[in-house]
């Protein structure tokens, strides 16, 4: 949970807003697996010898794949403009956060659909 999410959650609780809603913990509970792909770490094998030939533009790219509890996947990515600034740990964090943000949209839709059907 990010600092911003923590601040928002505290404000919501302080105001006593108790209607059905999503929480950061709910979002995190949906994530069952996390995988990363860094093209710079992907290499081809030629007669047992590793050959790396990824273009420079791919060497600053990071993908995150989150598998949700129902098997659905969401992806996030990060890219660094200057190869000299590439930091794998930072790239993973940004890609993870970008993928996680997509869960909010999906879970928000599901909650709204549930609330809508309850009104019928």
PDB file of N, CA and C in Angstrom:
ATOM      1  N   UNK A   1       0.860  -1.167   0.000  1.00  0.00           N
ATOM      2  CA  UNK A   1       0.000   0.000   0.000  1.00  0.00           C
ATOM      3  C   UNK A   1       0.909   1.234   0.000  1.00  0.00           C
ATOM      4  N   UNK A   2       0.624   2.152  -0.879  1.00  0.00           N
ATOM      5  CA  UNK A   2       1.427   3.371  -0.992  1.00  0.00           C
ATOM      6  C   UNK A   2       1.088   4.344   0.139  1.00  0.00           C
ATOM      7  N   UNK A   3       1.962   5.309   0.334  1.00  0.00           N
ATOM      8  CA  UNK A   3       1.704   6.348   1.339  1.00  0.00           C
ATOM      9  C   UNK A   3       0.415   7.101   1.030  1.00  0.00           C
ATOM     10  N   UNK A   4       0.191   7.389  -0.250  1.00  0.00           N
ATOM     11  CA  UNK A   4      -1.026   8.089  -0.649  1.00  0.00           C
ATOM     12  C   UNK A   4      -2.253   7.256  -0.304  1.00  0.00           C
ATOM     13  N   UNK A   5      -2.199   5.945  -0.596  1.00  0.00           N
ATOM     14  CA  UNK A   5      -3.329   5.077  -0.263  1.00  0.00           C
ATOM     15  C   UNK A   5      -3.562   5.046   1.244  1.00  0.00           C
ATOM     16  N   UNK A   6      -2.499   5.031   2.024  1.00  0.00           N
ATOM     17  CA  UNK A   6      -2.643   5.035   3.480  1.00  0.00           C
ATOM     18  C   UNK A   6      -3.328   6.311   3.956  1.00  0.00           C
ATOM     19  N   UNK A   7      -2.927   7.454   3.394  1.00  0.00           N
ATOM     20  CA  UNK A   7      -3.533   8.734   3.782  1.00  0.00           C
ATOM     21  C   UNK A   7      -5.014   8.773   3.412  1.00  0.00           C
ATOM     22  N   UNK A   8      -5.320   8.322   2.221  1.00  0.00           N
ATOM     23  CA  UNK A   8      -6.717   8.312   1.772  1.00  0.00           C
ATOM     24  C   UNK A   8      -7.543   7.383   2.661  1.00  0.00           C
ATOM     25  N   UNK A   9      -7.005   6.205   2.953  1.00  0.00           N
ATOM     26  CA  UNK A   9      -7.725   5.238   3.791  1.00  0.00           C
ATOM     27  C   UNK A   9      -7.994   5.818   5.178  1.00  0.00           C
ATOM     28  N   UNK A  10      -7.033   6.504   5.768  1.00  0.00           N
ATOM     29  CA  UNK A  10      -7.223   7.120   7.086  1.00  0.00           C
ATOM     30  C   UNK A  10      -8.305   8.195   7.035  1.00  0.00           C
ATOM     31  N   UNK A  11      -8.324   8.986   5.963  1.00  0.00           N
ATOM     32  CA  UNK A  11      -9.351  10.025   5.820  1.00  0.00           C
ATOM     33  C   UNK A  11     -10.742   9.420   5.703  1.00  0.00           C
ATOM     34  N   UNK A  12     -10.853   8.370   4.911  1.00  0.00           N
ATOM     35  CA  UNK A  12     -12.146   7.701   4.731  1.00  0.00           C
ATOM     36  C   UNK A  12     -12.644   7.165   6.064  1.00  0.00           C
ATOM     37  N   UNK A  13     -11.759   6.506   6.793  1.00  0.00           N
ATOM     38  CA  UNK A  13     -12.145   5.940   8.086  1.00  0.00           C
ATOM     39  C   UNK A  13     -12.490   7.037   9.096  1.00  0.00           C
ATOM     40  N   UNK A  14     -11.718   8.132   9.084  1.00  0.00           N
ATOM     41  CA  UNK A  14     -11.974   9.241  10.017  1.00  0.00           C
ATOM     42  C   UNK A  14     -13.343   9.881   9.766  1.00  0.00           C
ATOM     43  N   UNK A  15     -13.775   9.872   8.525  1.00  0.00           N
ATOM     44  CA  UNK A  15     -15.073  10.455   8.181  1.00  0.00           C
ATOM     45  C   UNK A  15     -16.218   9.467   8.363  1.00  0.00           C
ATOM     46  N   UNK A  16     -15.879   8.226   8.706  1.00  0.00           N
ATOM     47  CA  UNK A  16     -16.915   7.221   8.927  1.00  0.00           C
ATOM     48  C   UNK A  16     -17.643   6.813   7.662  1.00  0.00           C
ATOM     49  N   UNK A  17     -16.970   6.868   6.547  1.00  0.00           N
ATOM     50  CA  UNK A  17     -17.587   6.479   5.274  1.00  0.00           C
ATOM     51  C   UNK A  17     -17.560   4.953   5.169  1.00  0.00           C
ATOM     52  N   UNK A  18     -18.707   4.346   5.415  1.00  0.00           N
ATOM     53  CA  UNK A  18     -18.768   2.891   5.538  1.00  0.00           C
ATOM     54  C   UNK A  18     -19.551   2.196   4.432  1.00  0.00           C
ATOM     55  N   UNK A  19     -19.929   2.911   3.395  1.00  0.00           N
ATOM     56  CA  UNK A  19     -20.646   2.280   2.288  1.00  0.00           C
ATOM     57  C   UNK A  19     -19.695   1.287   1.604  1.00  0.00           C
ATOM     58  N   UNK A  20     -20.242   0.347   0.860  1.00  0.00           N
ATOM     59  CA  UNK A  20     -19.378  -0.599   0.157  1.00  0.00           C
ATOM     60  C   UNK A  20     -18.335   0.144  -0.685  1.00  0.00           C
ATOM     61  N   UNK A  21     -17.110  -0.304  -0.568  1.00  0.00           N
ATOM     62  CA  UNK A  21     -16.014   0.321  -1.310  1.00  0.00           C
ATOM     63  C   UNK A  21     -14.845  -0.639  -1.376  1.00  0.00           C
ATOM     64  N   UNK A  22     -13.896  -0.274  -2.200  1.00  0.00           N
ATOM     65  CA  UNK A  22     -12.657  -1.043  -2.304  1.00  0.00           C
ATOM     66  C   UNK A  22     -11.648  -0.494  -1.314  1.00  0.00           C
ATOM     67  N   UNK A  23     -10.770  -1.358  -0.861  1.00  0.00           N
ATOM     68  CA  UNK A  23      -9.684  -0.933   0.021  1.00  0.00           C
ATOM     69  C   UNK A  23      -8.365  -1.429  -0.559  1.00  0.00           C
ATOM     70  N   UNK A  24      -7.272  -0.805  -0.180  1.00  0.00           N
ATOM     71  CA  UNK A  24      -5.970  -1.296  -0.636  1.00  0.00           C
ATOM     72  C   UNK A  24      -5.738  -2.758  -0.245  1.00  0.00           C
ATOM     73  N   UNK A  25      -6.170  -3.143   0.947  1.00  0.00           N
ATOM     74  CA  UNK A  25      -6.008  -4.538   1.365  1.00  0.00           C
ATOM     75  C   UNK A  25      -6.791  -5.488   0.460  1.00  0.00           C
ATOM     76  N   UNK A  26      -7.982  -5.062   0.064  1.00  0.00           N
ATOM     77  CA  UNK A  26      -8.786  -5.887  -0.850  1.00  0.00           C
ATOM     78  C   UNK A  26      -8.041  -6.071  -2.170  1.00  0.00           C
ATOM     79  N   UNK A  27      -7.509  -4.993  -2.697  1.00  0.00           N
ATOM     80  CA  UNK A  27      -6.769  -5.056  -3.969  1.00  0.00           C
ATOM     81  C   UNK A  27      -5.592  -6.012  -3.821  1.00  0.00           C
ATOM     82  N   UNK A  28      -4.824  -5.856  -2.748  1.00  0.00           N
ATOM     83  CA  UNK A  28      -3.667  -6.729  -2.536  1.00  0.00           C
ATOM     84  C   UNK A  28      -4.070  -8.190  -2.370  1.00  0.00           C
ATOM     85  N   UNK A  29      -5.242  -8.438  -1.784  1.00  0.00           N
ATOM     86  CA  UNK A  29      -5.680  -9.822  -1.567  1.00  0.00           C
ATOM     87  C   UNK A  29      -5.986 -10.542  -2.874  1.00  0.00           C
ATOM     88  N   UNK A  30      -6.222  -9.813  -3.932  1.00  0.00           N
ATOM     89  CA  UNK A  30      -6.538 -10.411  -5.225  1.00  0.00           C
ATOM     90  C   UNK A  30      -5.298 -10.931  -5.956  1.00  0.00           C
ATOM     91  N   UNK A  31      -4.127 -10.445  -5.571  1.00  0.00           N
ATOM     92  CA  UNK A  31      -2.878 -10.804  -6.258  1.00  0.00           C
ATOM     93  C   UNK A  31      -2.368 -12.130  -5.710  1.00  0.00           C
ATOM     94  N   UNK A  32      -2.222 -13.098  -6.608  1.00  0.00           N
ATOM     95  CA  UNK A  32      -1.746 -14.417  -6.193  1.00  0.00           C
ATOM     96  C   UNK A  32      -0.346 -14.731  -6.709  1.00  0.00           C
ATOM     97  N   UNK A  33       0.105 -14.043  -7.737  1.00  0.00           N
ATOM     98  CA  UNK A  33       1.459 -14.283  -8.252  1.00  0.00           C
ATOM     99  C   UNK A  33       1.966 -13.029  -8.941  1.00  0.00           C
ATOM    100  N   UNK A  34       3.277 -12.815  -8.833  1.00  0.00           N
ATOM    101  CA  UNK A  34       3.933 -11.664  -9.451  1.00  0.00           C
ATOM    102  C   UNK A  34       5.123 -12.171 -10.245  1.00  0.00           C
ATOM    103  N   UNK A  35       5.185 -11.779 -11.497  1.00  0.00           N
ATOM    104  CA  UNK A  35       6.310 -12.152 -12.365  1.00  0.00           C
ATOM    105  C   UNK A  35       6.826 -10.899 -13.061  1.00  0.00           C
ATOM    106  N   UNK A  36       8.118 -10.876 -13.332  1.00  0.00           N
ATOM    107  CA  UNK A  36       8.726  -9.755 -14.043  1.00  0.00           C
ATOM    108  C   UNK A  36       9.461 -10.265 -15.272  1.00  0.00           C
ATOM    109  N   UNK A  37       9.421  -9.459 -16.308  1.00  0.00           N
ATOM    110  CA  UNK A  37      10.213  -9.726 -17.508  1.00  0.00           C
ATOM    111  C   UNK A  37      11.027  -8.473 -17.798  1.00  0.00           C
ATOM    112  N   UNK A  38      12.317  -8.646 -17.828  1.00  0.00           N
ATOM    113  CA  UNK A  38      13.228  -7.568 -18.205  1.00  0.00           C
ATOM    114  C   UNK A  38      13.917  -8.006 -19.496  1.00  0.00           C
ATOM    115  N   UNK A  39      13.535  -7.398 -20.624  1.00  0.00           N
ATOM    116  CA  UNK A  39      14.140  -7.812 -21.893  1.00  0.00           C
ATOM    117  C   UNK A  39      15.663  -7.825 -21.866  1.00  0.00           C
ATOM    118  N   UNK A  40      16.273  -6.969 -21.080  1.00  0.00           N
ATOM    119  CA  UNK A  40      17.733  -6.942 -21.017  1.00  0.00           C
ATOM    120  C   UNK A  40      18.292  -8.239 -20.436  1.00  0.00           C
ATOM    121  N   UNK A  41      17.452  -8.983 -19.679  1.00  0.00           N
ATOM    122  CA  UNK A  41      17.898 -10.234 -19.090  1.00  0.00           C
ATOM    123  C   UNK A  41      17.541 -11.452 -19.936  1.00  0.00           C
ATOM    124  N   UNK A  42      16.774 -11.222 -20.990  1.00  0.00           N
ATOM    125  CA  UNK A  42      16.392 -12.309 -21.871  1.00  0.00           C
ATOM    126  C   UNK A  42      17.508 -12.503 -22.892  1.00  0.00           C
ATOM    127  N   UNK A  43      17.912 -13.729 -23.042  1.00  0.00           N
ATOM    128  CA  UNK A  43      18.987 -13.975 -24.004  1.00  0.00           C
ATOM    129  C   UNK A  43      18.640 -15.194 -24.847  1.00  0.00           C
ATOM    130  N   UNK A  44      19.228 -15.264 -26.001  1.00  0.00           N
ATOM    131  CA  UNK A  44      19.059 -16.402 -26.890  1.00  0.00           C
ATOM    132  C   UNK A  44      20.205 -17.372 -26.641  1.00  0.00           C
ATOM    133  N   UNK A  45      19.979 -18.604 -26.985  1.00  0.00           N
ATOM    134  CA  UNK A  45      21.051 -19.597 -26.872  1.00  0.00           C
ATOM    135  C   UNK A  45      21.434 -20.047 -28.273  1.00  0.00           C
ATOM    136  N   UNK A  46      22.693 -20.046 -28.524  1.00  0.00           N
ATOM    137  CA  UNK A  46      23.224 -20.494 -29.809  1.00  0.00           C
ATOM    138  C   UNK A  46      24.289 -21.532 -29.508  1.00  0.00           C
ATOM    139  N   UNK A  47      23.941 -22.796 -29.704  1.00  0.00           N
ATOM    140  CA  UNK A  47      24.853 -23.899 -29.388  1.00  0.00           C
ATOM    141  C   UNK A  47      25.333 -23.836 -27.943  1.00  0.00           C
ATOM    142  N   UNK A  48      24.392 -23.530 -27.028  1.00  0.00           N
ATOM    143  CA  UNK A  48      24.726 -23.503 -25.612  1.00  0.00           C
ATOM    144  C   UNK A  48      25.362 -22.218 -25.133  1.00  0.00           C
ATOM    145  N   UNK A  49      25.678 -21.305 -26.026  1.00  0.00           N
ATOM    146  CA  UNK A  49      26.302 -20.035 -25.641  1.00  0.00           C
ATOM    147  C   UNK A  49      25.221 -18.963 -25.602  1.00  0.00           C
ATOM    148  N   UNK A  50      25.179 -18.214 -24.520  1.00  0.00           N
ATOM    149  CA  UNK A  50      24.196 -17.149 -24.416  1.00  0.00           C
ATOM    150  C   UNK A  50      24.595 -15.981 -25.299  1.00  0.00           C
ATOM    151  N   UNK A  51      23.640 -15.525 -26.083  1.00  0.00           N
ATOM    152  CA  UNK A  51      23.873 -14.394 -26.978  1.00  0.00           C
ATOM    153  C   UNK A  51      22.834 -13.333 -26.652  1.00  0.00           C
ATOM    154  N   UNK A  52      23.273 -12.165 -26.279  1.00  0.00           N
ATOM    155  CA  UNK A  52      22.350 -11.081 -25.961  1.00  0.00           C
ATOM    156  C   UNK A  52      22.369 -10.084 -27.108  1.00  0.00           C
ATOM    157  N   UNK A  53      21.213  -9.864 -27.685  1.00  0.00           N
ATOM    158  CA  UNK A  53      21.160  -8.933 -28.810  1.00  0.00           C
ATOM    159  C   UNK A  53      19.944  -8.022 -28.761  1.00  0.00           C
ATOM    160  N   UNK A  54      19.443  -7.771 -27.556  1.00  0.00           N
ATOM    161  CA  UNK A  54      18.280  -6.885 -27.435  1.00  0.00           C
ATOM    162  C   UNK A  54      18.684  -5.465 -27.803  1.00  0.00           C
ATOM    163  N   UNK A  55      17.874  -4.804 -28.601  1.00  0.00           N
ATOM    164  CA  UNK A  55      18.174  -3.405 -28.939  1.00  0.00           C
ATOM    165  C   UNK A  55      18.219  -2.545 -27.678  1.00  0.00           C
ATOM    166  N   UNK A  56      18.938  -1.474 -27.737  1.00  0.00           N
ATOM    167  CA  UNK A  56      19.107  -0.582 -26.598  1.00  0.00           C
ATOM    168  C   UNK A  56      17.764  -0.135 -26.029  1.00  0.00           C
ATOM    169  N   UNK A  57      16.777   0.109 -26.885  1.00  0.00           N
ATOM    170  CA  UNK A  57      15.467   0.569 -26.415  1.00  0.00           C
ATOM    171  C   UNK A  57      14.785  -0.470 -25.531  1.00  0.00           C
ATOM    172  N   UNK A  58      15.071  -1.737 -25.714  1.00  0.00           N
ATOM    173  CA  UNK A  58      14.471  -2.784 -24.879  1.00  0.00           C
ATOM    174  C   UNK A  58      15.233  -2.992 -23.578  1.00  0.00           C
ATOM    175  N   UNK A  59      16.435  -2.493 -23.525  1.00  0.00           N
ATOM    176  CA  UNK A  59      17.255  -2.713 -22.336  1.00  0.00           C
ATOM    177  C   UNK A  59      16.834  -1.838 -21.154  1.00  0.00           C
ATOM    178  N   UNK A  60      15.912  -0.923 -21.371  1.00  0.00           N
ATOM    179  CA  UNK A  60      15.440  -0.056 -20.282  1.00  0.00           C
ATOM    180  C   UNK A  60      13.962  -0.300 -19.976  1.00  0.00           C
ATOM    181  N   UNK A  61      13.466  -1.433 -20.393  1.00  0.00           N
ATOM    182  CA  UNK A  61      12.045  -1.759 -20.279  1.00  0.00           C
ATOM    183  C   UNK A  61      11.847  -2.860 -19.242  1.00  0.00           C
ATOM    184  N   UNK A  62      10.768  -2.737 -18.444  1.00  0.00           N
ATOM    185  CA  UNK A  62      10.420  -3.750 -17.454  1.00  0.00           C
ATOM    186  C   UNK A  62       8.925  -4.024 -17.543  1.00  0.00           C
ATOM    187  N   UNK A  63       8.570  -5.299 -17.539  1.00  0.00           N
ATOM    188  CA  UNK A  63       7.165  -5.711 -17.519  1.00  0.00           C
ATOM    189  C   UNK A  63       6.875  -6.423 -16.206  1.00  0.00           C
ATOM    190  N   UNK A  64       5.672  -6.203 -15.682  1.00  0.00           N
ATOM    191  CA  UNK A  64       5.196  -6.922 -14.504  1.00  0.00           C
ATOM    192  C   UNK A  64       3.885  -7.609 -14.875  1.00  0.00           C
ATOM    193  N   UNK A  65       3.777  -8.866 -14.516  1.00  0.00           N
ATOM    194  CA  UNK A  65       2.547  -9.621 -14.745  1.00  0.00           C
ATOM    195  C   UNK A  65       2.010 -10.046 -13.389  1.00  0.00           C
ATOM    196  N   UNK A  66       0.799  -9.594 -13.072  1.00  0.00           N
ATOM    197  CA  UNK A  66       0.140  -9.992 -11.837  1.00  0.00           C
ATOM    198  C   UNK A  66      -0.955 -10.994 -12.187  1.00  0.00           C
ATOM    199  N   UNK A  67      -0.906 -12.153 -11.557  1.00  0.00           N
ATOM    200  CA  UNK A  67      -1.958 -13.145 -11.728  1.00  0.00           C
ATOM    201  C   UNK A  67      -2.896 -13.001 -10.537  1.00  0.00           C
ATOM    202  N   UNK A  68      -4.163 -12.824 -10.843  1.00  0.00           N
ATOM    203  CA  UNK A  68      -5.169 -12.629  -9.807  1.00  0.00           C
ATOM    204  C   UNK A  68      -5.713 -13.973  -9.346  1.00  0.00           C
ATOM    205  N   UNK A  69      -6.459 -13.953  -8.256  1.00  0.00           N
ATOM    206  CA  UNK A  69      -6.929 -15.199  -7.650  1.00  0.00           C
ATOM    207  C   UNK A  69      -7.774 -16.053  -8.592  1.00  0.00           C
ATOM    208  N   UNK A  70      -8.440 -15.440  -9.564  1.00  0.00           N
ATOM    209  CA  UNK A  70      -9.261 -16.204 -10.505  1.00  0.00           C
ATOM    210  C   UNK A  70      -8.498 -16.609 -11.766  1.00  0.00           C
ATOM    211  N   UNK A  71      -7.195 -16.306 -11.814  1.00  0.00           N
ATOM    212  CA  UNK A  71      -6.372 -16.675 -12.959  1.00  0.00           C
ATOM    213  C   UNK A  71      -6.208 -15.585 -14.002  1.00  0.00           C
ATOM    214  N   UNK A  72      -6.988 -14.522 -13.904  1.00  0.00           N
ATOM    215  CA  UNK A  72      -6.865 -13.400 -14.838  1.00  0.00           C
ATOM    216  C   UNK A  72      -5.532 -12.696 -14.592  1.00  0.00           C
ATOM    217  N   UNK A  73      -4.947 -12.139 -15.634  1.00  0.00           N
ATOM    218  CA  UNK A  73      -3.686 -11.426 -15.479  1.00  0.00           C
ATOM    219  C   UNK A  73      -3.835  -9.967 -15.878  1.00  0.00           C
ATOM    220  N   UNK A  74      -3.085  -9.130 -15.188  1.00  0.00           N
ATOM    221  CA  UNK A  74      -2.950  -7.731 -15.566  1.00  0.00           C
ATOM    222  C   UNK A  74      -1.460  -7.454 -15.697  1.00  0.00           C
ATOM    223  N   UNK A  75      -1.141  -6.495 -16.545  1.00  0.00           N
ATOM    224  CA  UNK A  75       0.266  -6.178 -16.776  1.00  0.00           C
ATOM    225  C   UNK A  75       0.532  -4.703 -16.531  1.00  0.00           C
ATOM    226  N   UNK A  76       1.765  -4.428 -16.190  1.00  0.00           N
ATOM    227  CA  UNK A  76       2.237  -3.063 -16.052  1.00  0.00           C
ATOM    228  C   UNK A  76       3.622  -2.996 -16.646  1.00  0.00           C
ATOM    229  N   UNK A  77       4.047  -1.813 -16.958  1.00  0.00           N
ATOM    230  CA  UNK A  77       5.366  -1.663 -17.556  1.00  0.00           C
ATOM    231  C   UNK A  77       6.004  -0.379 -17.069  1.00  0.00           C
ATOM    232  N   UNK A  78       7.307  -0.337 -17.220  1.00  0.00           N
ATOM    233  CA  UNK A  78       8.046   0.900 -16.985  1.00  0.00           C
ATOM    234  C   UNK A  78       9.150   0.956 -18.032  1.00  0.00           C
ATOM    235  N   UNK A  79       9.507   2.154 -18.391  1.00  0.00           N
ATOM    236  CA  UNK A  79      10.570   2.352 -19.366  1.00  0.00           C
ATOM    237  C   UNK A  79      11.380   3.563 -18.949  1.00  0.00           C
ATOM    238  N   UNK A  80      12.654   3.475 -19.133  1.00  0.00           N
ATOM    239  CA  UNK A  80      13.581   4.536 -18.753  1.00  0.00           C
ATOM    240  C   UNK A  80      14.067   5.210 -20.033  1.00  0.00           C
ATOM    241  N   UNK A  81      14.025   6.510 -20.089  1.00  0.00           N
ATOM    242  CA  UNK A  81      14.425   7.234 -21.299  1.00  0.00           C
ATOM    243  C   UNK A  81      15.923   7.131 -21.561  1.00  0.00           C
ATOM    244  N   UNK A  82      16.717   7.163 -20.515  1.00  0.00           N
ATOM    245  CA  UNK A  82      18.173   7.103 -20.674  1.00  0.00           C
ATOM    246  C   UNK A  82      18.700   5.797 -20.101  1.00  0.00           C
ATOM    247  N   UNK A  83      19.358   4.991 -20.907  1.00  0.00           N
ATOM    248  CA  UNK A  83      19.898   3.721 -20.414  1.00  0.00           C
ATOM    249  C   UNK A  83      20.799   3.898 -19.190  1.00  0.00           C
ATOM    250  N   UNK A  84      21.456   5.027 -19.097  1.00  0.00           N
ATOM    251  CA  UNK A  84      22.352   5.269 -17.960  1.00  0.00           C
ATOM    252  C   UNK A  84      21.591   5.380 -16.640  1.00  0.00           C
ATOM    253  N   UNK A  85      20.307   5.694 -16.715  1.00  0.00           N
ATOM    254  CA  UNK A  85      19.491   5.833 -15.513  1.00  0.00           C
ATOM    255  C   UNK A  85      18.749   4.556 -15.142  1.00  0.00           C
ATOM    256  N   UNK A  86      18.893   3.507 -15.939  1.00  0.00           N
ATOM    257  CA  UNK A  86      18.133   2.283 -15.683  1.00  0.00           C
ATOM    258  C   UNK A  86      18.512   1.683 -14.337  1.00  0.00           C
ATOM    259  N   UNK A  87      17.486   1.354 -13.566  1.00  0.00           N
ATOM    260  CA  UNK A  87      17.655   0.685 -12.284  1.00  0.00           C
ATOM    261  C   UNK A  87      16.600  -0.416 -12.232  1.00  0.00           C
ATOM    262  N   UNK A  88      17.030  -1.672 -12.222  1.00  0.00           N
ATOM    263  CA  UNK A  88      16.096  -2.799 -12.307  1.00  0.00           C
ATOM    264  C   UNK A  88      15.090  -2.801 -11.165  1.00  0.00           C
ATOM    265  N   UNK A  89      15.548  -2.521  -9.945  1.00  0.00           N
ATOM    266  CA  UNK A  89      14.637  -2.521  -8.796  1.00  0.00           C
ATOM    267  C   UNK A  89      13.568  -1.439  -8.944  1.00  0.00           C
ATOM    268  N   UNK A  90      13.971  -0.260  -9.352  1.00  0.00           N
ATOM    269  CA  UNK A  90      13.017   0.826  -9.548  1.00  0.00           C
ATOM    270  C   UNK A  90      12.048   0.488 -10.682  1.00  0.00           C
ATOM    271  N   UNK A  91      12.565  -0.092 -11.752  1.00  0.00           N
ATOM    272  CA  UNK A  91      11.708  -0.489 -12.870  1.00  0.00           C
ATOM    273  C   UNK A  91      10.660  -1.496 -12.452  1.00  0.00           C
ATOM    274  N   UNK A  92      11.066  -2.469 -11.630  1.00  0.00           N
ATOM    275  CA  UNK A  92      10.103  -3.465 -11.127  1.00  0.00           C
ATOM    276  C   UNK A  92       9.014  -2.794 -10.282  1.00  0.00           C
ATOM    277  N   UNK A  93       9.416  -1.880  -9.422  1.00  0.00           N
ATOM    278  CA  UNK A  93       8.443  -1.210  -8.542  1.00  0.00           C
ATOM    279  C   UNK A  93       7.427  -0.406  -9.359  1.00  0.00           C
ATOM    280  N   UNK A  94       7.908   0.344 -10.327  1.00  0.00           N
ATOM    281  CA  UNK A  94       7.008   1.151 -11.162  1.00  0.00           C
ATOM    282  C   UNK A  94       6.091   0.253 -11.979  1.00  0.00           C
ATOM    283  N   UNK A  95       6.633  -0.802 -12.577  1.00  0.00           N
ATOM    284  CA  UNK A  95       5.820  -1.718 -13.381  1.00  0.00           C
ATOM    285  C   UNK A  95       4.762  -2.399 -12.510  1.00  0.00           C
ATOM    286  N   UNK A  96       5.144  -2.794 -11.295  1.00  0.00           N
ATOM    287  CA  UNK A  96       4.198  -3.421 -10.356  1.00  0.00           C
ATOM    288  C   UNK A  96       3.062  -2.450 -10.028  1.00  0.00           C
ATOM    289  N   UNK A  97       3.410  -1.223  -9.676  1.00  0.00           N
ATOM    290  CA  UNK A  97       2.389  -0.231  -9.338  1.00  0.00           C
ATOM    291  C   UNK A  97       1.458   0.034 -10.512  1.00  0.00           C
ATOM    292  N   UNK A  98       2.004   0.079 -11.720  1.00  0.00           N
ATOM    293  CA  UNK A  98       1.160   0.295 -12.904  1.00  0.00           C
ATOM    294  C   UNK A  98       0.212  -0.878 -13.129  1.00  0.00           C
ATOM    295  N   UNK A  99       0.676  -2.098 -12.891  1.00  0.00           N
ATOM    296  CA  UNK A  99      -0.200  -3.265 -13.031  1.00  0.00           C
ATOM    297  C   UNK A  99      -1.268  -3.270 -11.933  1.00  0.00           C
ATOM    298  N   UNK A 100      -0.848  -2.970 -10.717  1.00  0.00           N
ATOM    299  CA  UNK A 100      -1.774  -2.977  -9.571  1.00  0.00           C
ATOM    300  C   UNK A 100      -2.890  -1.961  -9.753  1.00  0.00           C
ATOM    301  N   UNK A 101      -2.594  -0.815 -10.341  1.00  0.00           N
ATOM    302  CA  UNK A 101      -3.620   0.203 -10.591  1.00  0.00           C
ATOM    303  C   UNK A 101      -4.764  -0.347 -11.443  1.00  0.00           C
ATOM    304  N   UNK A 102      -4.451  -1.263 -12.338  1.00  0.00           N
ATOM    305  CA  UNK A 102      -5.489  -1.838 -13.206  1.00  0.00           C
ATOM    306  C   UNK A 102      -6.475  -2.692 -12.412  1.00  0.00           C
ATOM    307  N   UNK A 103      -6.017  -3.252 -11.306  1.00  0.00           N
ATOM    308  CA  UNK A 103      -6.910  -4.067 -10.472  1.00  0.00           C
ATOM    309  C   UNK A 103      -8.002  -3.193  -9.869  1.00  0.00           C
ATOM    310  N   UNK A 104      -7.666  -1.967  -9.489  1.00  0.00           N
ATOM    311  CA  UNK A 104      -8.671  -1.047  -8.945  1.00  0.00           C
ATOM    312  C   UNK A 104      -9.826  -0.878  -9.923  1.00  0.00           C
ATOM    313  N   UNK A 105      -9.516  -0.718 -11.186  1.00  0.00           N
ATOM    314  CA  UNK A 105     -10.565  -0.514 -12.204  1.00  0.00           C
ATOM    315  C   UNK A 105     -11.429  -1.760 -12.328  1.00  0.00           C
ATOM    316  N   UNK A 106     -10.788  -2.918 -12.400  1.00  0.00           N
ATOM    317  CA  UNK A 106     -11.546  -4.164 -12.547  1.00  0.00           C
ATOM    318  C   UNK A 106     -12.419  -4.435 -11.321  1.00  0.00           C
ATOM    319  N   UNK A 107     -11.857  -4.288 -10.155  1.00  0.00           N
ATOM    320  CA  UNK A 107     -12.611  -4.539  -8.924  1.00  0.00           C
ATOM    321  C   UNK A 107     -13.686  -3.479  -8.716  1.00  0.00           C
ATOM    322  N   UNK A 108     -13.409  -2.256  -9.137  1.00  0.00           N
ATOM    323  CA  UNK A 108     -14.423  -1.203  -9.060  1.00  0.00           C
ATOM    324  C   UNK A 108     -15.624  -1.533  -9.919  1.00  0.00           C
ATOM    325  N   UNK A 109     -15.370  -2.038 -11.101  1.00  0.00           N
ATOM    326  CA  UNK A 109     -16.460  -2.448 -11.980  1.00  0.00           C
ATOM    327  C   UNK A 109     -17.272  -3.568 -11.336  1.00  0.00           C
ATOM    328  N   UNK A 110     -16.597  -4.562 -10.798  1.00  0.00           N
ATOM    329  CA  UNK A 110     -17.305  -5.682 -10.171  1.00  0.00           C
ATOM    330  C   UNK A 110     -18.168  -5.223  -8.994  1.00  0.00           C
ATOM    331  N   UNK A 111     -17.630  -4.328  -8.176  1.00  0.00           N
ATOM    332  CA  UNK A 111     -18.402  -3.823  -7.047  1.00  0.00           C
ATOM    333  C   UNK A 111     -19.621  -3.040  -7.524  1.00  0.00           C
ATOM    334  N   UNK A 112     -19.432  -2.192  -8.515  1.00  0.00           N
ATOM    335  CA  UNK A 112     -20.560  -1.407  -9.033  1.00  0.00           C
ATOM    336  C   UNK A 112     -21.623  -2.318  -9.631  1.00  0.00           C
ATOM    337  N   UNK A 113     -21.215  -3.353 -10.317  1.00  0.00           N
ATOM    338  CA  UNK A 113     -22.159  -4.306 -10.901  1.00  0.00           C
ATOM    339  C   UNK A 113     -22.949  -5.007  -9.799  1.00  0.00           C
ATOM    340  N   UNK A 114     -22.263  -5.397  -8.736  1.00  0.00           N
ATOM    341  CA  UNK A 114     -22.922  -6.042  -7.603  1.00  0.00           C
ATOM    342  C   UNK A 114     -23.936  -5.103  -6.957  1.00  0.00           C
ATOM    343  N   UNK A 115     -23.572  -3.848  -6.757  1.00  0.00           N
ATOM    344  CA  UNK A 115     -24.474  -2.868  -6.168  1.00  0.00           C
ATOM    345  C   UNK A 115     -25.674  -2.604  -7.072  1.00  0.00           C
ATOM    346  N   UNK A 116     -25.419  -2.548  -8.360  1.00  0.00           N
ATOM    347  CA  UNK A 116     -26.494  -2.323  -9.335  1.00  0.00           C
ATOM    348  C   UNK A 116     -27.499  -3.474  -9.294  1.00  0.00           C
ATOM    349  N   UNK A 117     -27.003  -4.687  -9.301  1.00  0.00           N
ATOM    350  CA  UNK A 117     -27.912  -5.840  -9.278  1.00  0.00           C
ATOM    351  C   UNK A 117     -28.703  -5.913  -7.974  1.00  0.00           C
ATOM    352  N   UNK A 118     -28.138  -5.443  -6.887  1.00  0.00           N
ATOM    353  CA  UNK A 118     -28.837  -5.454  -5.596  1.00  0.00           C
ATOM    354  C   UNK A 118     -30.002  -4.462  -5.595  1.00  0.00           C
ATOM    355  N   UNK A 119     -29.932  -3.441  -6.467  1.00  0.00           N
ATOM    356  CA  UNK A 119     -31.010  -2.442  -6.542  1.00  0.00           C
ATOM    357  C   UNK A 119     -32.175  -2.912  -7.391  1.00  0.00           C
ATOM    358  N   UNK A 120     -31.951  -3.906  -8.206  1.00  0.00           N
ATOM    359  CA  UNK A 120     -33.019  -4.390  -9.100  1.00  0.00           C
ATOM    360  C   UNK A 120     -34.076  -5.191  -8.381  1.00  0.00           C
TER     361      UNK A 120
END
